[in-house]
């Protein structure tokens, strides 16, 4: 399970609690839902969140963020 603390260590700094779901979206469109353990993309055109992958290991999350967004998490 990925914790908020692990995300903070990777550079996530902005947090939003929406209906008990904690979101972070610091790196352009990268969003991670801590409660669901799911990586999302934010579509700026229609304003919706697009589910990319359910991931609960920090190393796998780093790989997926690189794959989808070309962002190297710390």
PDB file of N, CA and C in Angstrom:
ATOM      1  N   UNK A   1       0.842  -1.183   0.000  1.00  0.00           N
ATOM      2  CA  UNK A   1       0.000   0.000   0.000  1.00  0.00           C
ATOM      3  C   UNK A   1       0.887   1.247   0.000  1.00  0.00           C
ATOM      4  N   UNK A   2       0.595   2.174  -0.874  1.00  0.00           N
ATOM      5  CA  UNK A   2       1.335   3.434  -0.940  1.00  0.00           C
ATOM      6  C   UNK A   2       0.708   4.428   0.033  1.00  0.00           C
ATOM      7  N   UNK A   3       1.542   5.039   0.837  1.00  0.00           N
ATOM      8  CA  UNK A   3       1.047   5.993   1.829  1.00  0.00           C
ATOM      9  C   UNK A   3       1.267   7.431   1.354  1.00  0.00           C
ATOM     10  N   UNK A   4       0.585   8.327   2.003  1.00  0.00           N
ATOM     11  CA  UNK A   4       0.745   9.748   1.710  1.00  0.00           C
ATOM     12  C   UNK A   4       2.190  10.180   1.973  1.00  0.00           C
ATOM     13  N   UNK A   5       2.801   9.616   2.994  1.00  0.00           N
ATOM     14  CA  UNK A   5       4.178   9.944   3.334  1.00  0.00           C
ATOM     15  C   UNK A   5       5.134   9.524   2.211  1.00  0.00           C
ATOM     16  N   UNK A   6       4.913   8.344   1.638  1.00  0.00           N
ATOM     17  CA  UNK A   6       5.750   7.890   0.522  1.00  0.00           C
ATOM     18  C   UNK A   6       5.604   8.819  -0.677  1.00  0.00           C
ATOM     19  N   UNK A   7       4.387   9.240  -0.936  1.00  0.00           N
ATOM     20  CA  UNK A   7       4.158  10.162  -2.049  1.00  0.00           C
ATOM     21  C   UNK A   7       4.870  11.491  -1.803  1.00  0.00           C
ATOM     22  N   UNK A   8       4.820  11.959  -0.581  1.00  0.00           N
ATOM     23  CA  UNK A   8       5.502  13.213  -0.239  1.00  0.00           C
ATOM     24  C   UNK A   8       7.009  13.082  -0.458  1.00  0.00           C
ATOM     25  N   UNK A   9       7.563  11.923  -0.140  1.00  0.00           N
ATOM     26  CA  UNK A   9       8.992  11.691  -0.362  1.00  0.00           C
ATOM     27  C   UNK A   9       9.337  11.722  -1.849  1.00  0.00           C
ATOM     28  N   UNK A  10       8.379  11.390  -2.700  1.00  0.00           N
ATOM     29  CA  UNK A  10       8.588  11.396  -4.156  1.00  0.00           C
ATOM     30  C   UNK A  10       8.375  12.781  -4.758  1.00  0.00           C
ATOM     31  N   UNK A  11       7.909  13.735  -3.951  1.00  0.00           N
ATOM     32  CA  UNK A  11       7.749  15.090  -4.444  1.00  0.00           C
ATOM     33  C   UNK A  11       6.322  15.588  -4.539  1.00  0.00           C
ATOM     34  N   UNK A  12       5.348  14.750  -4.206  1.00  0.00           N
ATOM     35  CA  UNK A  12       3.957  15.215  -4.211  1.00  0.00           C
ATOM     36  C   UNK A  12       3.765  16.179  -3.047  1.00  0.00           C
ATOM     37  N   UNK A  13       3.217  17.359  -3.317  1.00  0.00           N
ATOM     38  CA  UNK A  13       3.081  18.378  -2.270  1.00  0.00           C
ATOM     39  C   UNK A  13       1.664  18.928  -2.124  1.00  0.00           C
ATOM     40  N   UNK A  14       0.865  18.860  -3.160  1.00  0.00           N
ATOM     41  CA  UNK A  14      -0.483  19.428  -3.120  1.00  0.00           C
ATOM     42  C   UNK A  14      -1.483  18.324  -2.810  1.00  0.00           C
ATOM     43  N   UNK A  15      -2.323  18.558  -1.792  1.00  0.00           N
ATOM     44  CA  UNK A  15      -3.280  17.533  -1.368  1.00  0.00           C
ATOM     45  C   UNK A  15      -4.684  18.094  -1.352  1.00  0.00           C
ATOM     46  N   UNK A  16      -5.620  17.260  -1.716  1.00  0.00           N
ATOM     47  CA  UNK A  16      -7.023  17.652  -1.714  1.00  0.00           C
ATOM     48  C   UNK A  16      -7.837  16.478  -1.208  1.00  0.00           C
ATOM     49  N   UNK A  17      -8.652  16.693  -0.223  1.00  0.00           N
ATOM     50  CA  UNK A  17      -9.497  15.640   0.336  1.00  0.00           C
ATOM     51  C   UNK A  17     -10.912  15.849  -0.178  1.00  0.00           C
ATOM     52  N   UNK A  18     -11.377  14.918  -0.981  1.00  0.00           N
ATOM     53  CA  UNK A  18     -12.697  15.013  -1.596  1.00  0.00           C
ATOM     54  C   UNK A  18     -13.465  13.741  -1.273  1.00  0.00           C
ATOM     55  N   UNK A  19     -14.478  13.844  -0.413  1.00  0.00           N
ATOM     56  CA  UNK A  19     -15.272  12.681  -0.023  1.00  0.00           C
ATOM     57  C   UNK A  19     -14.395  11.543   0.489  1.00  0.00           C
ATOM     58  N   UNK A  20     -13.489  11.878   1.399  1.00  0.00           N
ATOM     59  CA  UNK A  20     -12.588  10.922   2.015  1.00  0.00           C
ATOM     60  C   UNK A  20     -11.569  10.339   1.040  1.00  0.00           C
ATOM     61  N   UNK A  21     -11.442  10.905  -0.134  1.00  0.00           N
ATOM     62  CA  UNK A  21     -10.426  10.465  -1.088  1.00  0.00           C
ATOM     63  C   UNK A  21      -9.354  11.541  -1.138  1.00  0.00           C
ATOM     64  N   UNK A  22      -8.124  11.155  -0.923  1.00  0.00           N
ATOM     65  CA  UNK A  22      -7.031  12.122  -0.917  1.00  0.00           C
ATOM     66  C   UNK A  22      -6.366  12.121  -2.284  1.00  0.00           C
ATOM     67  N   UNK A  23      -6.302  13.288  -2.895  1.00  0.00           N
ATOM     68  CA  UNK A  23      -5.713  13.430  -4.214  1.00  0.00           C
ATOM     69  C   UNK A  23      -4.439  14.254  -4.134  1.00  0.00           C
ATOM     70  N   UNK A  24      -3.504  13.949  -4.976  1.00  0.00           N
ATOM     71  CA  UNK A  24      -2.345  14.799  -5.163  1.00  0.00           C
ATOM     72  C   UNK A  24      -2.128  14.948  -6.649  1.00  0.00           C
ATOM     73  N   UNK A  25      -1.822  16.154  -7.084  1.00  0.00           N
ATOM     74  CA  UNK A  25      -1.706  16.379  -8.532  1.00  0.00           C
ATOM     75  C   UNK A  25      -0.584  17.348  -8.859  1.00  0.00           C
ATOM     76  N   UNK A  26       0.570  17.127  -8.325  1.00  0.00           N
ATOM     77  CA  UNK A  26       1.648  18.101  -8.452  1.00  0.00           C
ATOM     78  C   UNK A  26       2.345  18.159  -9.794  1.00  0.00           C
ATOM     79  N   UNK A  27       2.540  17.065 -10.446  1.00  0.00           N
ATOM     80  CA  UNK A  27       3.356  17.022 -11.642  1.00  0.00           C
ATOM     81  C   UNK A  27       2.476  17.108 -12.878  1.00  0.00           C
ATOM     82  N   UNK A  28       2.101  18.327 -13.257  1.00  0.00           N
ATOM     83  CA  UNK A  28       1.257  18.559 -14.417  1.00  0.00           C
ATOM     84  C   UNK A  28      -0.110  17.920 -14.185  1.00  0.00           C
ATOM     85  N   UNK A  29      -0.378  16.787 -14.793  1.00  0.00           N
ATOM     86  CA  UNK A  29      -1.702  16.168 -14.680  1.00  0.00           C
ATOM     87  C   UNK A  29      -1.691  14.911 -13.824  1.00  0.00           C
ATOM     88  N   UNK A  30      -0.583  14.583 -13.199  1.00  0.00           N
ATOM     89  CA  UNK A  30      -0.478  13.351 -12.424  1.00  0.00           C
ATOM     90  C   UNK A  30      -1.343  13.445 -11.173  1.00  0.00           C
ATOM     91  N   UNK A  31      -2.244  12.481 -11.023  1.00  0.00           N
ATOM     92  CA  UNK A  31      -3.099  12.435  -9.834  1.00  0.00           C
ATOM     93  C   UNK A  31      -3.052  11.023  -9.267  1.00  0.00           C
ATOM     94  N   UNK A  32      -2.981  10.926  -7.957  1.00  0.00           N
ATOM     95  CA  UNK A  32      -2.972   9.623  -7.308  1.00  0.00           C
ATOM     96  C   UNK A  32      -3.984   9.645  -6.177  1.00  0.00           C
ATOM     97  N   UNK A  33      -4.860   8.653  -6.164  1.00  0.00           N
ATOM     98  CA  UNK A  33      -5.867   8.540  -5.123  1.00  0.00           C
ATOM     99  C   UNK A  33      -5.359   7.547  -4.082  1.00  0.00           C
ATOM    100  N   UNK A  34      -5.046   8.045  -2.902  1.00  0.00           N
ATOM    101  CA  UNK A  34      -4.456   7.223  -1.853  1.00  0.00           C
ATOM    102  C   UNK A  34      -5.438   6.158  -1.381  1.00  0.00           C
ATOM    103  N   UNK A  35      -6.688   6.520  -1.201  1.00  0.00           N
ATOM    104  CA  UNK A  35      -7.671   5.558  -0.700  1.00  0.00           C
ATOM    105  C   UNK A  35      -7.902   4.425  -1.694  1.00  0.00           C
ATOM    106  N   UNK A  36      -8.000   4.752  -2.975  1.00  0.00           N
ATOM    107  CA  UNK A  36      -8.238   3.738  -4.003  1.00  0.00           C
ATOM    108  C   UNK A  36      -6.950   3.083  -4.490  1.00  0.00           C
ATOM    109  N   UNK A  37      -5.787   3.685  -4.151  1.00  0.00           N
ATOM    110  CA  UNK A  37      -4.492   3.201  -4.628  1.00  0.00           C
ATOM    111  C   UNK A  37      -4.488   3.156  -6.162  1.00  0.00           C
ATOM    112  N   UNK A  38      -4.902   4.273  -6.767  1.00  0.00           N
ATOM    113  CA  UNK A  38      -5.084   4.337  -8.216  1.00  0.00           C
ATOM    114  C   UNK A  38      -4.451   5.602  -8.785  1.00  0.00           C
ATOM    115  N   UNK A  39      -3.769   5.436  -9.922  1.00  0.00           N
ATOM    116  CA  UNK A  39      -3.162   6.538 -10.656  1.00  0.00           C
ATOM    117  C   UNK A  39      -4.158   7.054 -11.684  1.00  0.00           C
ATOM    118  N   UNK A  40      -4.297   8.386 -11.747  1.00  0.00           N
ATOM    119  CA  UNK A  40      -5.227   9.019 -12.675  1.00  0.00           C
ATOM    120  C   UNK A  40      -4.516  10.077 -13.511  1.00  0.00           C
ATOM    121  N   UNK A  41      -5.123  10.385 -14.638  1.00  0.00           N
ATOM    122  CA  UNK A  41      -4.715  11.505 -15.479  1.00  0.00           C
ATOM    123  C   UNK A  41      -5.864  12.501 -15.437  1.00  0.00           C
ATOM    124  N   UNK A  42      -5.551  13.788 -15.487  1.00  0.00           N
ATOM    125  CA  UNK A  42      -6.592  14.819 -15.527  1.00  0.00           C
ATOM    126  C   UNK A  42      -6.709  15.329 -16.951  1.00  0.00           C
ATOM    127  N   UNK A  43      -7.883  15.196 -17.521  1.00  0.00           N
ATOM    128  CA  UNK A  43      -8.138  15.663 -18.879  1.00  0.00           C
ATOM    129  C   UNK A  43      -8.558  17.123 -18.815  1.00  0.00           C
ATOM    130  N   UNK A  44      -7.686  18.001 -19.285  1.00  0.00           N
ATOM    131  CA  UNK A  44      -7.951  19.438 -19.211  1.00  0.00           C
ATOM    132  C   UNK A  44      -9.064  19.876 -20.149  1.00  0.00           C
ATOM    133  N   UNK A  45      -9.346  19.100 -21.178  1.00  0.00           N
ATOM    134  CA  UNK A  45     -10.384  19.457 -22.144  1.00  0.00           C
ATOM    135  C   UNK A  45     -11.769  19.313 -21.536  1.00  0.00           C
ATOM    136  N   UNK A  46     -12.056  18.136 -20.957  1.00  0.00           N
ATOM    137  CA  UNK A  46     -13.399  17.931 -20.409  1.00  0.00           C
ATOM    138  C   UNK A  46     -13.445  17.997 -18.878  1.00  0.00           C
ATOM    139  N   UNK A  47     -12.288  18.154 -18.232  1.00  0.00           N
ATOM    140  CA  UNK A  47     -12.254  18.313 -16.780  1.00  0.00           C
ATOM    141  C   UNK A  47     -12.474  17.037 -15.991  1.00  0.00           C
ATOM    142  N   UNK A  48     -12.401  15.891 -16.657  1.00  0.00           N
ATOM    143  CA  UNK A  48     -12.624  14.615 -15.973  1.00  0.00           C
ATOM    144  C   UNK A  48     -11.309  13.934 -15.623  1.00  0.00           C
ATOM    145  N   UNK A  49     -11.397  13.039 -14.648  1.00  0.00           N
ATOM    146  CA  UNK A  49     -10.261  12.219 -14.261  1.00  0.00           C
ATOM    147  C   UNK A  49     -10.347  10.902 -15.022  1.00  0.00           C
ATOM    148  N   UNK A  50      -9.220  10.456 -15.558  1.00  0.00           N
ATOM    149  CA  UNK A  50      -9.194   9.208 -16.312  1.00  0.00           C
ATOM    150  C   UNK A  50      -8.328   8.207 -15.549  1.00  0.00           C
ATOM    151  N   UNK A  51      -8.928   7.081 -15.160  1.00  0.00           N
ATOM    152  CA  UNK A  51      -8.206   6.060 -14.417  1.00  0.00           C
ATOM    153  C   UNK A  51      -7.191   5.392 -15.336  1.00  0.00           C
ATOM    154  N   UNK A  52      -5.933   5.351 -14.881  1.00  0.00           N
ATOM    155  CA  UNK A  52      -4.872   4.737 -15.667  1.00  0.00           C
ATOM    156  C   UNK A  52      -4.502   3.358 -15.143  1.00  0.00           C
ATOM    157  N   UNK A  53      -4.318   3.231 -13.829  1.00  0.00           N
ATOM    158  CA  UNK A  53      -3.886   1.953 -13.280  1.00  0.00           C
ATOM    159  C   UNK A  53      -4.060   1.915 -11.770  1.00  0.00           C
ATOM    160  N   UNK A  54      -4.406   0.750 -11.282  1.00  0.00           N
ATOM    161  CA  UNK A  54      -4.431   0.519  -9.848  1.00  0.00           C
ATOM    162  C   UNK A  54      -3.030   0.054  -9.479  1.00  0.00           C
ATOM    163  N   UNK A  55      -2.397   0.738  -8.559  1.00  0.00           N
ATOM    164  CA  UNK A  55      -1.010   0.429  -8.209  1.00  0.00           C
ATOM    165  C   UNK A  55      -0.799   0.670  -6.717  1.00  0.00           C
ATOM    166  N   UNK A  56      -0.205  -0.320  -6.047  1.00  0.00           N
ATOM    167  CA  UNK A  56      -0.029  -0.197  -4.604  1.00  0.00           C
ATOM    168  C   UNK A  56       1.416  -0.384  -4.150  1.00  0.00           C
ATOM    169  N   UNK A  57       2.370  -0.281  -5.093  1.00  0.00           N
ATOM    170  CA  UNK A  57       3.784  -0.344  -4.754  1.00  0.00           C
ATOM    171  C   UNK A  57       4.466   0.908  -5.299  1.00  0.00           C
ATOM    172  N   UNK A  58       5.265   1.553  -4.464  1.00  0.00           N
ATOM    173  CA  UNK A  58       5.840   2.845  -4.835  1.00  0.00           C
ATOM    174  C   UNK A  58       6.770   2.733  -6.046  1.00  0.00           C
ATOM    175  N   UNK A  59       7.547   1.662  -6.168  1.00  0.00           N
ATOM    176  CA  UNK A  59       8.438   1.527  -7.323  1.00  0.00           C
ATOM    177  C   UNK A  59       7.647   1.372  -8.613  1.00  0.00           C
ATOM    178  N   UNK A  60       6.563   0.639  -8.565  1.00  0.00           N
ATOM    179  CA  UNK A  60       5.698   0.477  -9.742  1.00  0.00           C
ATOM    180  C   UNK A  60       5.042   1.811 -10.093  1.00  0.00           C
ATOM    181  N   UNK A  61       4.638   2.574  -9.084  1.00  0.00           N
ATOM    182  CA  UNK A  61       4.052   3.888  -9.337  1.00  0.00           C
ATOM    183  C   UNK A  61       5.060   4.775 -10.062  1.00  0.00           C
ATOM    184  N   UNK A  62       6.299   4.768  -9.618  1.00  0.00           N
ATOM    185  CA  UNK A  62       7.333   5.576 -10.270  1.00  0.00           C
ATOM    186  C   UNK A  62       7.489   5.171 -11.735  1.00  0.00           C
ATOM    187  N   UNK A  63       7.474   3.865 -12.006  1.00  0.00           N
ATOM    188  CA  UNK A  63       7.571   3.374 -13.387  1.00  0.00           C
ATOM    189  C   UNK A  63       6.395   3.847 -14.229  1.00  0.00           C
ATOM    190  N   UNK A  64       5.189   3.758 -13.682  1.00  0.00           N
ATOM    191  CA  UNK A  64       3.993   4.156 -14.433  1.00  0.00           C
ATOM    192  C   UNK A  64       3.945   5.659 -14.675  1.00  0.00           C
ATOM    193  N   UNK A  65       4.368   6.443 -13.702  1.00  0.00           N
ATOM    194  CA  UNK A  65       4.383   7.900 -13.883  1.00  0.00           C
ATOM    195  C   UNK A  65       5.369   8.259 -14.997  1.00  0.00           C
ATOM    196  N   UNK A  66       6.496   7.571 -15.041  1.00  0.00           N
ATOM    197  CA  UNK A  66       7.447   7.811 -16.127  1.00  0.00           C
ATOM    198  C   UNK A  66       6.830   7.402 -17.465  1.00  0.00           C
ATOM    199  N   UNK A  67       6.190   6.231 -17.511  1.00  0.00           N
ATOM    200  CA  UNK A  67       5.604   5.719 -18.741  1.00  0.00           C
ATOM    201  C   UNK A  67       4.532   6.660 -19.289  1.00  0.00           C
ATOM    202  N   UNK A  68       3.620   7.106 -18.451  1.00  0.00           N
ATOM    203  CA  UNK A  68       2.496   7.936 -18.909  1.00  0.00           C
ATOM    204  C   UNK A  68       2.846   9.415 -19.059  1.00  0.00           C
ATOM    205  N   UNK A  69       3.665   9.944 -18.158  1.00  0.00           N
ATOM    206  CA  UNK A  69       3.857  11.392 -18.086  1.00  0.00           C
ATOM    207  C   UNK A  69       5.286  11.869 -18.339  1.00  0.00           C
ATOM    208  N   UNK A  70       6.219  10.941 -18.415  1.00  0.00           N
ATOM    209  CA  UNK A  70       7.648  11.280 -18.580  1.00  0.00           C
ATOM    210  C   UNK A  70       8.122  12.180 -17.434  1.00  0.00           C
ATOM    211  N   UNK A  71       7.646  11.881 -16.234  1.00  0.00           N
ATOM    212  CA  UNK A  71       8.062  12.579 -15.014  1.00  0.00           C
ATOM    213  C   UNK A  71       8.837  11.593 -14.166  1.00  0.00           C
ATOM    214  N   UNK A  72      10.042  11.980 -13.778  1.00  0.00           N
ATOM    215  CA  UNK A  72      10.893  11.128 -12.949  1.00  0.00           C
ATOM    216  C   UNK A  72      10.667  11.491 -11.483  1.00  0.00           C
ATOM    217  N   UNK A  73       9.924  10.648 -10.767  1.00  0.00           N
ATOM    218  CA  UNK A  73       9.687  10.896  -9.356  1.00  0.00           C
ATOM    219  C   UNK A  73      10.974  10.674  -8.593  1.00  0.00           C
ATOM    220  N   UNK A  74      11.194  11.480  -7.587  1.00  0.00           N
ATOM    221  CA  UNK A  74      12.441  11.437  -6.783  1.00  0.00           C
ATOM    222  C   UNK A  74      12.576  10.121  -6.045  1.00  0.00           C
TER     223      UNK A  74
END
